[in-house]
Amino acid sequence: MPGYGDSPPSETVAMQQGRVAFLDRVLQQLGMRKPVLVSPSMSGRFALPFLLARGDWLAGFVPIAPVGTKDYTAEQYQQVQTPTLILYGARDTSLGRQGLQSLRHLPGHRVAVLPGAGHACYLDKPEDFHRALLGFLHQLE
């Protein structure tokens, strides 16, 4: 993601609209039609505004303790009709639970909490993570 890790900062993604446009371009360049957007941690800064602006373009959404959930209101979340699996590790006592407080306002969501897993639950408990993710994906078919 621009501005994260070793990538240089980018003015185009400094604002929410730029992050939505960036993710939109990535999905178009990849030829994605109705993808499931999986969003761990910092990617929430891109995925959440995209979900709110273009959630109807997604087949599903899987936030994994994303940042930025407090930036939106319950009413904004309630407008989203995208099937959602809220996923986090039980030992993630900050972003996981914080995200759940906001994301629980998404209609039609499910919650999966991975016992014994921390913030990077997909690394701590990969089998449990994949089982939850695949179960959600199969429900979308």
C-alpha atoms as a PDB file:
ATOM      1  CA  MET A   1       0.000   0.000   0.000  1.00  0.00           C
ATOM      2  CA  PRO A   2       1.325   3.447  -0.819  1.00  0.00           C
ATOM      3  CA  GLY A   3       2.928   5.076   2.192  1.00  0.00           C
ATOM      4  CA  TYR A   4       3.287   1.857   4.195  1.00  0.00           C
ATOM      5  CA  GLY A   5       6.303  -0.375   4.688  1.00  0.00           C
ATOM      6  CA  ASP A   6       9.062   0.474   2.226  1.00  0.00           C
ATOM      7  CA  SER A   7       6.790   2.212  -0.289  1.00  0.00           C
ATOM      8  CA  PRO A   8       7.189   5.959  -0.629  1.00  0.00           C
ATOM      9  CA  PRO A   9       4.497   8.320   0.649  1.00  0.00           C
ATOM     10  CA  SER A  10       1.929   9.377  -1.915  1.00  0.00           C
ATOM     11  CA  GLU A  11      -0.191  12.513  -1.883  1.00  0.00           C
ATOM     12  CA  THR A  12      -2.838  10.736  -3.970  1.00  0.00           C
ATOM     13  CA  VAL A  13      -3.786   8.497  -1.026  1.00  0.00           C
ATOM     14  CA  ALA A  14      -3.512  11.123   1.701  1.00  0.00           C
ATOM     15  CA  MET A  15      -7.264  11.684   1.592  1.00  0.00           C
ATOM     16  CA  GLN A  16     -10.067   9.136   1.829  1.00  0.00           C
ATOM     17  CA  GLN A  17     -11.218   9.745  -1.775  1.00  0.00           C
ATOM     18  CA  GLY A  18      -7.706   9.026  -3.029  1.00  0.00           C
ATOM     19  CA  ARG A  19      -7.567   5.724  -1.139  1.00  0.00           C
ATOM     20  CA  VAL A  20     -10.948   4.683  -2.608  1.00  0.00           C
ATOM     21  CA  ALA A  21      -9.765   5.628  -6.111  1.00  0.00           C
ATOM     22  CA  PHE A  22      -6.476   3.768  -5.599  1.00  0.00           C
ATOM     23  CA  LEU A  23      -8.174   0.539  -4.532  1.00  0.00           C
ATOM     24  CA  ASP A  24     -10.689   0.929  -7.354  1.00  0.00           C
ATOM     25  CA  ARG A  25      -7.827   1.207  -9.885  1.00  0.00           C
ATOM     26  CA  VAL A  26      -6.063  -1.835  -8.423  1.00  0.00           C
ATOM     27  CA  LEU A  27      -9.213  -3.964  -8.691  1.00  0.00           C
ATOM     28  CA  GLN A  28      -9.858  -2.750 -12.246  1.00  0.00           C
ATOM     29  CA  GLN A  29      -6.261  -3.398 -13.313  1.00  0.00           C
ATOM     30  CA  LEU A  30      -6.532  -6.927 -11.928  1.00  0.00           C
ATOM     31  CA  GLY A  31      -9.833  -7.420 -13.772  1.00  0.00           C
ATOM     32  CA  MET A  32     -11.621  -8.239 -10.529  1.00  0.00           C
ATOM     33  CA  ARG A  33     -15.393  -8.561 -10.673  1.00  0.00           C
ATOM     34  CA  LYS A  34     -17.221  -8.833  -7.333  1.00  0.00           C
ATOM     35  CA  PRO A  35     -14.132  -9.767  -5.271  1.00  0.00           C
ATOM     36  CA  VAL A  36     -14.055 -10.531  -1.578  1.00  0.00           C
ATOM     37  CA  LEU A  37     -11.935  -7.863   0.078  1.00  0.00           C
ATOM     38  CA  VAL A  38      -9.800  -9.195   2.941  1.00  0.00           C
ATOM     39  CA  SER A  39      -8.501  -6.320   5.058  1.00  0.00           C
ATOM     40  CA  PRO A  40      -6.025  -6.877   7.896  1.00  0.00           C
ATOM     41  CA  SER A  41      -4.948  -4.076  10.204  1.00  0.00           C
ATOM     42  CA  MET A  42      -3.509  -1.007   8.412  1.00  0.00           C
ATOM     43  CA  SER A  43      -5.294  -1.839   5.155  1.00  0.00           C
ATOM     44  CA  GLY A  44      -8.483  -0.741   6.910  1.00  0.00           C
ATOM     45  CA  ARG A  45      -7.539   2.830   5.936  1.00  0.00           C
ATOM     46  CA  PHE A  46      -8.148   1.772   2.312  1.00  0.00           C
ATOM     47  CA  ALA A  47     -10.769  -0.956   2.683  1.00  0.00           C
ATOM     48  CA  LEU A  48     -13.254   0.775   4.994  1.00  0.00           C
ATOM     49  CA  PRO A  49     -13.785   3.873   2.853  1.00  0.00           C
ATOM     50  CA  PHE A  50     -13.973   1.613  -0.210  1.00  0.00           C
ATOM     51  CA  LEU A  51     -16.595  -0.551   1.504  1.00  0.00           C
ATOM     52  CA  LEU A  52     -18.693   2.488   2.397  1.00  0.00           C
ATOM     53  CA  ALA A  53     -18.387   4.036  -1.064  1.00  0.00           C
ATOM     54  CA  ARG A  54     -18.450   0.946  -3.267  1.00  0.00           C
ATOM     55  CA  GLY A  55     -19.532  -1.979  -1.107  1.00  0.00           C
ATOM     56  CA  ASP A  56     -21.989  -3.037  -3.804  1.00  0.00           C
ATOM     57  CA  TRP A  57     -18.967  -3.853  -6.007  1.00  0.00           C
ATOM     58  CA  LEU A  58     -17.854  -6.507  -3.493  1.00  0.00           C
ATOM     59  CA  ALA A  59     -19.093 -10.049  -3.057  1.00  0.00           C
ATOM     60  CA  GLY A  60     -17.891  -9.971   0.539  1.00  0.00           C
ATOM     61  CA  PHE A  61     -15.747  -8.188   3.085  1.00  0.00           C
ATOM     62  CA  VAL A  62     -13.439  -9.699   5.712  1.00  0.00           C
ATOM     63  CA  PRO A  63     -12.031  -7.104   8.118  1.00  0.00           C
ATOM     64  CA  ILE A  64      -9.307  -8.520  10.366  1.00  0.00           C
ATOM     65  CA  ALA A  65      -8.897  -6.058  13.245  1.00  0.00           C
ATOM     66  CA  PRO A  66      -8.662  -3.101  10.835  1.00  0.00           C
ATOM     67  CA  VAL A  67      -7.613   0.387  11.830  1.00  0.00           C
ATOM     68  CA  GLY A  68      -9.945   3.295  11.217  1.00  0.00           C
ATOM     69  CA  THR A  69     -13.227   1.732  12.306  1.00  0.00           C
ATOM     70  CA  LYS A  70     -13.994   4.656  14.651  1.00  0.00           C
ATOM     71  CA  ASP A  71     -13.825   7.093  11.724  1.00  0.00           C
ATOM     72  CA  TYR A  72     -17.362   6.154  10.662  1.00  0.00           C
ATOM     73  CA  THR A  73     -20.771   6.237  12.320  1.00  0.00           C
ATOM     74  CA  ALA A  74     -23.165   3.414  13.055  1.00  0.00           C
ATOM     75  CA  GLU A  75     -25.502   4.935  10.462  1.00  0.00           C
ATOM     76  CA  GLN A  76     -22.801   4.783   7.788  1.00  0.00           C
ATOM     77  CA  TYR A  77     -22.106   1.136   8.552  1.00  0.00           C
ATOM     78  CA  GLN A  78     -25.826   0.311   8.528  1.00  0.00           C
ATOM     79  CA  GLN A  79     -26.052   1.430   4.880  1.00  0.00           C
ATOM     80  CA  VAL A  80     -23.647  -1.311   3.734  1.00  0.00           C
ATOM     81  CA  GLN A  81     -25.265  -4.445   2.322  1.00  0.00           C
ATOM     82  CA  THR A  82     -22.037  -6.403   1.663  1.00  0.00           C
ATOM     83  CA  PRO A  83     -21.846  -9.794   3.429  1.00  0.00           C
ATOM     84  CA  THR A  84     -19.147  -9.450   6.084  1.00  0.00           C
ATOM     85  CA  LEU A  85     -17.073 -11.762   8.265  1.00  0.00           C
ATOM     86  CA  ILE A  86     -15.570  -9.812  11.176  1.00  0.00           C
ATOM     87  CA  LEU A  87     -12.476 -11.776  12.146  1.00  0.00           C
ATOM     88  CA  TYR A  88      -9.913 -11.274  14.901  1.00  0.00           C
ATOM     89  CA  GLY A  89      -7.775 -13.079  17.454  1.00  0.00           C
ATOM     90  CA  ALA A  90      -9.025 -13.456  21.026  1.00  0.00           C
ATOM     91  CA  ARG A  91      -5.715 -12.118  22.369  1.00  0.00           C
ATOM     92  CA  ASP A  92      -6.030  -8.952  20.253  1.00  0.00           C
ATOM     93  CA  THR A  93      -7.493  -6.860  23.043  1.00  0.00           C
ATOM     94  CA  SER A  94      -7.195  -3.532  21.241  1.00  0.00           C
ATOM     95  CA  LEU A  95      -7.918  -3.401  17.495  1.00  0.00           C
ATOM     96  CA  GLY A  96      -9.899  -6.648  17.354  1.00  0.00           C
ATOM     97  CA  ARG A  97     -12.431  -5.697  20.001  1.00  0.00           C
ATOM     98  CA  GLN A  98     -12.416  -2.038  19.017  1.00  0.00           C
ATOM     99  CA  GLY A  99     -13.219  -2.976  15.434  1.00  0.00           C
ATOM    100  CA  LEU A 100     -16.048  -5.219  16.550  1.00  0.00           C
ATOM    101  CA  GLN A 101     -17.689  -2.324  18.425  1.00  0.00           C
ATOM    102  CA  SER A 102     -17.998  -0.357  15.187  1.00  0.00           C
ATOM    103  CA  LEU A 103     -18.323  -3.122  12.610  1.00  0.00           C
ATOM    104  CA  ARG A 104     -21.157  -4.868  14.456  1.00  0.00           C
ATOM    105  CA  HIS A 105     -23.414  -2.218  12.901  1.00  0.00           C
ATOM    106  CA  LEU A 106     -22.912  -3.794   9.459  1.00  0.00           C
ATOM    107  CA  PRO A 107     -26.105  -5.667   8.550  1.00  0.00           C
ATOM    108  CA  GLY A 108     -25.707  -9.352   7.796  1.00  0.00           C
ATOM    109  CA  HIS A 109     -22.326  -9.757   9.461  1.00  0.00           C
ATOM    110  CA  ARG A 110     -20.827 -12.796  11.138  1.00  0.00           C
ATOM    111  CA  VAL A 111     -18.091 -12.782  13.772  1.00  0.00           C
ATOM    112  CA  ALA A 112     -15.247 -15.276  14.119  1.00  0.00           C
ATOM    113  CA  VAL A 113     -12.876 -14.968  17.066  1.00  0.00           C
ATOM    114  CA  LEU A 114      -9.801 -17.200  16.878  1.00  0.00           C
ATOM    115  CA  PRO A 115      -8.909 -18.531  20.350  1.00  0.00           C
ATOM    116  CA  GLY A 116      -5.255 -18.156  21.320  1.00  0.00           C
ATOM    117  CA  ALA A 117      -4.496 -15.809  18.420  1.00  0.00           C
ATOM    118  CA  GLY A 118      -3.243 -12.241  18.632  1.00  0.00           C
ATOM    119  CA  HIS A 119      -3.496  -9.302  16.259  1.00  0.00           C
ATOM    120  CA  ALA A 120      -2.006 -11.206  13.299  1.00  0.00           C
ATOM    121  CA  CYS A 121      -4.431 -14.082  13.830  1.00  0.00           C
ATOM    122  CA  TYR A 122      -3.786 -15.411  10.309  1.00  0.00           C
ATOM    123  CA  LEU A 123      -0.153 -16.015  11.330  1.00  0.00           C
ATOM    124  CA  ASP A 124      -0.850 -17.245  14.870  1.00  0.00           C
ATOM    125  CA  LYS A 125      -3.589 -19.719  13.917  1.00  0.00           C
ATOM    126  CA  PRO A 126      -3.442 -20.190  10.122  1.00  0.00           C
ATOM    127  CA  GLU A 127      -5.566 -23.349  10.050  1.00  0.00           C
ATOM    128  CA  ASP A 128      -8.333 -21.767  12.125  1.00  0.00           C
ATOM    129  CA  PHE A 129      -8.103 -18.597  10.050  1.00  0.00           C
ATOM    130  CA  HIS A 130      -8.405 -20.476   6.766  1.00  0.00           C
ATOM    131  CA  ARG A 131     -11.258 -22.600   8.089  1.00  0.00           C
ATOM    132  CA  ALA A 132     -13.232 -19.463   9.061  1.00  0.00           C
ATOM    133  CA  LEU A 133     -12.418 -17.693   5.796  1.00  0.00           C
ATOM    134  CA  LEU A 134     -13.285 -20.673   3.602  1.00  0.00           C
ATOM    135  CA  GLY A 135     -16.525 -21.256   5.528  1.00  0.00           C
ATOM    136  CA  PHE A 136     -17.518 -17.646   4.821  1.00  0.00           C
ATOM    137  CA  LEU A 137     -16.538 -17.882   1.154  1.00  0.00           C
ATOM    138  CA  HIS A 138     -18.588 -21.070   0.708  1.00  0.00           C
ATOM    139  CA  GLN A 139     -21.628 -19.279   2.121  1.00  0.00           C
ATOM    140  CA  LEU A 140     -21.284 -16.643  -0.582  1.00  0.00           C
ATOM    141  CA  GLU A 141     -21.541 -19.176  -3.404  1.00  0.00           C
END
